[in-house]
């Protein structure tokens, strides 16, 4: 019912079901579709090892808040997912390492990492950049994560009008990236710390990757490591 073929139905009636949303059908449809995919994985007992469950929970509650903020506050108060997830018997890989050919320059100018909408990540606290066969020394802390962000001038104007600090930061990220050649579309955004900020890690030197040959890059998509090992590593072999 939230598909593009029902745009007129959205404008005439369905938008009233989400009075606290942005008012854009695509925003609601994107969030609902992400939750539909997640729900299907749960229903089919699929693995969630590579899924950021707390992030998906937050998405669910956000959708509820678009309909009824009181109901969303009630869900936050009673949900048990966060506590159960915290008790899971798993090694805590708290840092994601991402390729940085384009990402590093954008981080330097915006203090953000931007990637395709809907991309799945494990729960992590920090993000590191891999470029030219080494992990770069700056390992920022993740301040916020937003999915399906509309990369348009109209969205920049809407964000600036809210008066919220995070919305202003997001508007800056969109504006700067568009000037650097990023095209309109929908993206996922990680707001990150700057060097010297609380929680930000700066390594003494880059961490080199010595493996050679086709397909031997340390990461071609994303890879997870333990932050404390980054502090001690002489090469990626120590991770």
Protein backbone atom coordinates (compact mmCIF):
# COMPACT_ATOMS: atom_id res chain seq x y z
CA UNK A 1 0.00 0.00 0.00
CA UNK A 2 2.99 2.33 0.40
CA UNK A 3 4.40 1.62 -3.07
CA UNK A 4 4.81 4.29 -5.73
CA UNK A 5 1.73 3.01 -7.55
CA UNK A 6 -0.34 4.23 -4.59
CA UNK A 7 1.04 7.77 -4.44
CA UNK A 8 -2.41 9.27 -4.87
CA UNK A 9 -3.83 7.09 -2.09
CA UNK A 10 -0.98 8.25 0.16
CA UNK A 11 -1.73 11.91 -0.54
CA UNK A 12 -5.47 11.52 -0.04
CA UNK A 13 -5.55 9.21 2.98
CA UNK A 14 -2.60 7.06 4.01
CA UNK A 15 -0.39 9.95 5.18
CA UNK A 16 -2.90 10.49 8.00
CA UNK A 17 -1.79 7.16 9.52
CA UNK A 18 1.68 8.66 10.09
CA UNK A 19 1.00 12.24 11.21
CA UNK A 20 4.44 12.62 12.84
CA UNK A 21 6.48 11.40 9.84
CA UNK A 22 8.16 13.63 7.26
CA UNK A 23 4.96 13.40 5.22
CA UNK A 24 6.83 11.74 2.36
CA UNK A 25 5.51 8.39 1.19
CA UNK A 26 8.98 7.20 0.18
CA UNK A 27 10.39 7.78 3.68
CA UNK A 28 7.72 5.63 5.28
CA UNK A 29 7.84 3.03 2.50
CA UNK A 30 11.64 2.64 2.80
CA UNK A 31 11.50 2.14 6.56
CA UNK A 32 8.59 -0.30 6.32
CA UNK A 33 10.33 -2.30 3.59
CA UNK A 34 13.52 -2.59 5.67
CA UNK A 35 11.44 -3.89 8.57
CA UNK A 36 9.57 -6.30 6.28
CA UNK A 37 12.88 -7.83 5.17
CA UNK A 38 14.05 -8.05 8.79
CA UNK A 39 10.76 -9.61 9.87
CA UNK A 40 11.07 -12.26 7.13
CA UNK A 41 14.58 -13.15 8.30
CA UNK A 42 13.23 -13.63 11.81
CA UNK A 43 10.27 -15.68 10.62
CA UNK A 44 12.55 -18.01 8.65
CA UNK A 45 15.03 -18.38 11.53
CA UNK A 46 17.77 -16.81 9.42
CA UNK A 47 21.15 -15.91 10.93
CA UNK A 48 21.35 -12.47 12.56
CA UNK A 49 25.11 -12.54 13.19
CA UNK A 50 25.72 -9.81 10.59
CA UNK A 51 22.66 -7.76 11.56
CA UNK A 52 22.60 -4.76 13.86
CA UNK A 53 19.56 -5.85 15.84
CA UNK A 54 19.42 -2.76 18.12
CA UNK A 55 19.44 -0.55 15.01
CA UNK A 56 16.51 -2.46 13.50
CA UNK A 57 14.67 -2.19 16.82
CA UNK A 58 15.23 1.57 16.77
CA UNK A 59 13.81 1.68 13.23
CA UNK A 60 10.70 -0.16 14.41
CA UNK A 61 10.11 2.26 17.25
CA UNK A 62 10.70 5.23 14.94
CA UNK A 63 7.95 3.96 12.63
CA UNK A 64 5.61 3.59 15.60
CA UNK A 65 6.50 7.14 16.69
CA UNK A 66 5.42 8.44 13.27
CA UNK A 67 1.96 7.13 14.12
CA UNK A 68 1.83 7.67 17.91
CA UNK A 69 4.73 9.07 19.99
CA UNK A 70 3.12 7.84 23.23
CA UNK A 71 3.02 4.29 21.90
CA UNK A 72 6.70 4.57 20.92
CA UNK A 73 7.67 5.72 24.42
CA UNK A 74 5.72 2.79 25.89
CA UNK A 75 7.55 0.34 23.61
CA UNK A 76 10.93 1.75 24.59
CA UNK A 77 9.99 1.25 28.23
CA UNK A 78 8.87 -2.38 27.96
CA UNK A 79 11.02 -3.88 25.16
CA UNK A 80 13.40 -6.68 26.21
CA UNK A 81 15.33 -7.02 22.95
CA UNK A 82 18.11 -4.69 24.07
CA UNK A 83 18.83 -6.62 27.24
CA UNK A 84 18.63 -10.05 25.58
CA UNK A 85 20.93 -8.88 22.77
CA UNK A 86 23.45 -7.58 25.31
CA UNK A 87 23.64 -11.06 26.91
CA UNK A 88 24.37 -12.91 23.65
CA UNK A 89 27.42 -15.22 23.81
CA UNK A 90 29.53 -13.59 21.11
CA UNK A 91 32.97 -12.07 20.68
CA UNK A 92 32.66 -8.31 20.80
CA UNK A 93 33.94 -7.00 17.49
CA UNK A 94 33.30 -3.34 18.23
CA UNK A 95 34.86 -1.70 15.15
CA UNK A 96 33.99 -1.97 11.46
CA UNK A 97 36.74 -1.39 8.88
CA UNK A 98 35.52 0.01 5.55
CA UNK A 99 37.28 0.69 2.23
CA UNK A 100 38.25 4.35 2.10
CA UNK A 101 39.10 5.21 -1.50
CA UNK A 102 36.24 7.74 -1.55
CA UNK A 103 35.12 7.56 2.07
CA UNK A 104 38.27 9.03 3.64
CA UNK A 105 38.04 12.36 1.83
CA UNK A 106 34.38 12.72 2.71
CA UNK A 107 35.11 11.96 6.36
CA UNK A 108 37.81 14.64 6.44
CA UNK A 109 35.39 17.27 5.15
CA UNK A 110 32.16 16.19 6.88
CA UNK A 111 33.07 13.86 9.80
CA UNK A 112 30.73 11.25 8.32
CA UNK A 113 30.74 7.93 6.49
CA UNK A 114 28.14 7.51 3.73
CA UNK A 115 27.22 4.29 1.94
CA UNK A 116 24.32 2.71 0.12
CA UNK A 117 20.93 2.62 1.81
CA UNK A 118 19.91 -0.67 3.38
CA UNK A 119 23.46 -1.97 3.84
CA UNK A 120 23.64 -4.26 6.87
CA UNK A 121 26.16 -3.83 9.68
CA UNK A 122 26.87 -5.63 12.92
CA UNK A 123 26.49 -3.59 16.12
CA UNK A 124 29.69 -1.54 16.43
CA UNK A 125 30.91 1.53 18.32
CA UNK A 126 33.75 2.69 16.05
CA UNK A 127 34.59 2.85 12.35
CA UNK A 128 38.05 2.57 10.76
CA UNK A 129 39.17 3.36 7.20
CA UNK A 130 41.27 1.08 4.98
CA UNK A 131 43.17 2.68 2.11
CA UNK A 132 46.36 1.97 0.15
CA UNK A 133 46.91 -1.35 1.93
CA UNK A 134 46.73 0.04 5.44
CA UNK A 135 44.25 0.90 8.16
CA UNK A 136 44.45 4.65 8.65
CA UNK A 137 45.28 6.02 12.13
CA UNK A 138 42.01 7.88 12.80
CA UNK A 139 39.33 5.58 14.25
CA UNK A 140 36.28 7.73 15.01
CA UNK A 141 33.46 6.84 17.35
CA UNK A 142 30.02 6.48 15.77
CA UNK A 143 27.71 9.24 17.04
CA UNK A 144 24.60 8.32 15.07
CA UNK A 145 23.44 6.16 12.18
CA UNK A 146 20.59 6.96 9.79
CA UNK A 147 19.33 4.91 6.87
CA UNK A 148 17.43 5.87 3.70
CA UNK A 149 18.37 9.54 3.86
CA UNK A 150 17.05 11.59 0.94
CA UNK A 151 20.06 13.27 -0.74
CA UNK A 152 18.29 16.31 -2.17
CA UNK A 153 18.28 20.09 -1.79
CA UNK A 154 14.71 19.81 -0.54
CA UNK A 155 15.80 17.53 2.28
CA UNK A 156 18.60 19.93 3.20
CA UNK A 157 16.06 22.74 3.52
CA UNK A 158 13.71 20.57 5.59
CA UNK A 159 16.51 19.52 7.96
CA UNK A 160 17.68 23.08 8.51
CA UNK A 161 14.14 24.18 9.34
CA UNK A 162 13.81 21.78 12.29
CA UNK A 163 16.33 23.63 14.47
CA UNK A 164 17.76 20.31 15.70
CA UNK A 165 21.56 20.03 15.95
CA UNK A 166 21.75 16.57 14.39
CA UNK A 167 19.54 17.65 11.51
CA UNK A 168 21.83 20.62 10.88
CA UNK A 169 24.86 18.30 10.84
CA UNK A 170 23.11 15.99 8.40
CA UNK A 171 22.21 18.94 6.16
CA UNK A 172 25.90 19.97 6.12
CA UNK A 173 26.93 16.42 5.15
CA UNK A 174 24.47 16.33 2.25
CA UNK A 175 25.48 19.78 0.99
CA UNK A 176 29.23 19.11 1.12
CA UNK A 177 28.95 15.68 -0.50
CA UNK A 178 26.77 17.03 -3.32
CA UNK A 179 29.41 19.67 -4.04
CA UNK A 180 31.95 16.83 -4.24
CA UNK A 181 29.89 15.07 -6.90
CA UNK A 182 27.59 12.78 -4.93
CA UNK A 183 24.35 12.33 -6.85
CA UNK A 184 20.76 12.45 -5.67
CA UNK A 185 19.39 9.24 -4.23
CA UNK A 186 19.09 7.61 -0.85
CA UNK A 187 22.02 6.81 1.39
CA UNK A 188 22.95 5.51 4.82
CA UNK A 189 24.89 7.92 7.05
CA UNK A 190 27.17 7.44 10.03
CA UNK A 191 27.93 10.60 12.00
CA UNK A 192 31.48 10.33 13.37
CA UNK A 193 33.76 12.07 15.86
CA UNK A 194 36.67 14.32 14.94
CA UNK A 195 40.25 13.74 16.18
CA UNK A 196 40.55 14.79 19.81
CA UNK A 197 36.88 14.19 20.60
CA UNK A 198 35.76 11.98 23.47
CA UNK A 199 35.83 8.32 22.46
CA UNK A 200 37.88 8.99 19.31
CA UNK A 201 40.91 6.72 18.84
CA UNK A 202 44.06 7.93 17.07
CA UNK A 203 46.61 5.19 16.42
CA UNK A 204 50.35 5.99 16.60
CA UNK A 205 50.86 4.84 13.00
CA UNK A 206 48.83 3.26 10.19
CA UNK A 207 48.44 -0.53 10.36
CA UNK A 208 49.91 -2.08 7.18
CA UNK A 209 48.45 -5.02 5.32
CA UNK A 210 51.23 -7.19 3.83
CA UNK A 211 49.28 -9.89 1.96
CA UNK A 212 49.60 -9.67 -1.81
CA UNK A 213 47.78 -11.04 -4.80
CA UNK A 214 44.33 -11.01 -6.29
CA UNK A 215 41.57 -10.81 -3.68
CA UNK A 216 44.03 -10.34 -0.82
CA UNK A 217 42.84 -6.88 0.32
CA UNK A 218 42.13 -6.72 4.04
CA UNK A 219 38.59 -5.63 3.27
CA UNK A 220 36.68 -5.22 0.01
CA UNK A 221 33.33 -4.56 1.64
CA UNK A 222 33.60 -4.36 5.41
CA UNK A 223 35.38 -6.27 8.13
CA UNK A 224 35.06 -6.35 11.92
CA UNK A 225 37.83 -6.11 14.49
CA UNK A 226 38.32 -5.47 18.20
CA UNK A 227 39.34 -1.86 18.88
CA UNK A 228 41.85 -2.76 21.61
CA UNK A 229 43.71 -4.96 19.12
CA UNK A 230 44.05 -1.97 16.81
CA UNK A 231 46.03 -0.21 19.53
CA UNK A 232 48.61 -3.03 19.68
CA UNK A 233 48.68 -4.27 16.09
CA UNK A 234 51.90 -3.97 14.05
CA UNK A 235 50.12 -5.29 10.95
CA UNK A 236 46.67 -6.58 10.03
CA UNK A 237 47.93 -10.08 10.83
CA UNK A 238 47.66 -9.14 14.51
CA UNK A 239 43.93 -8.48 14.19
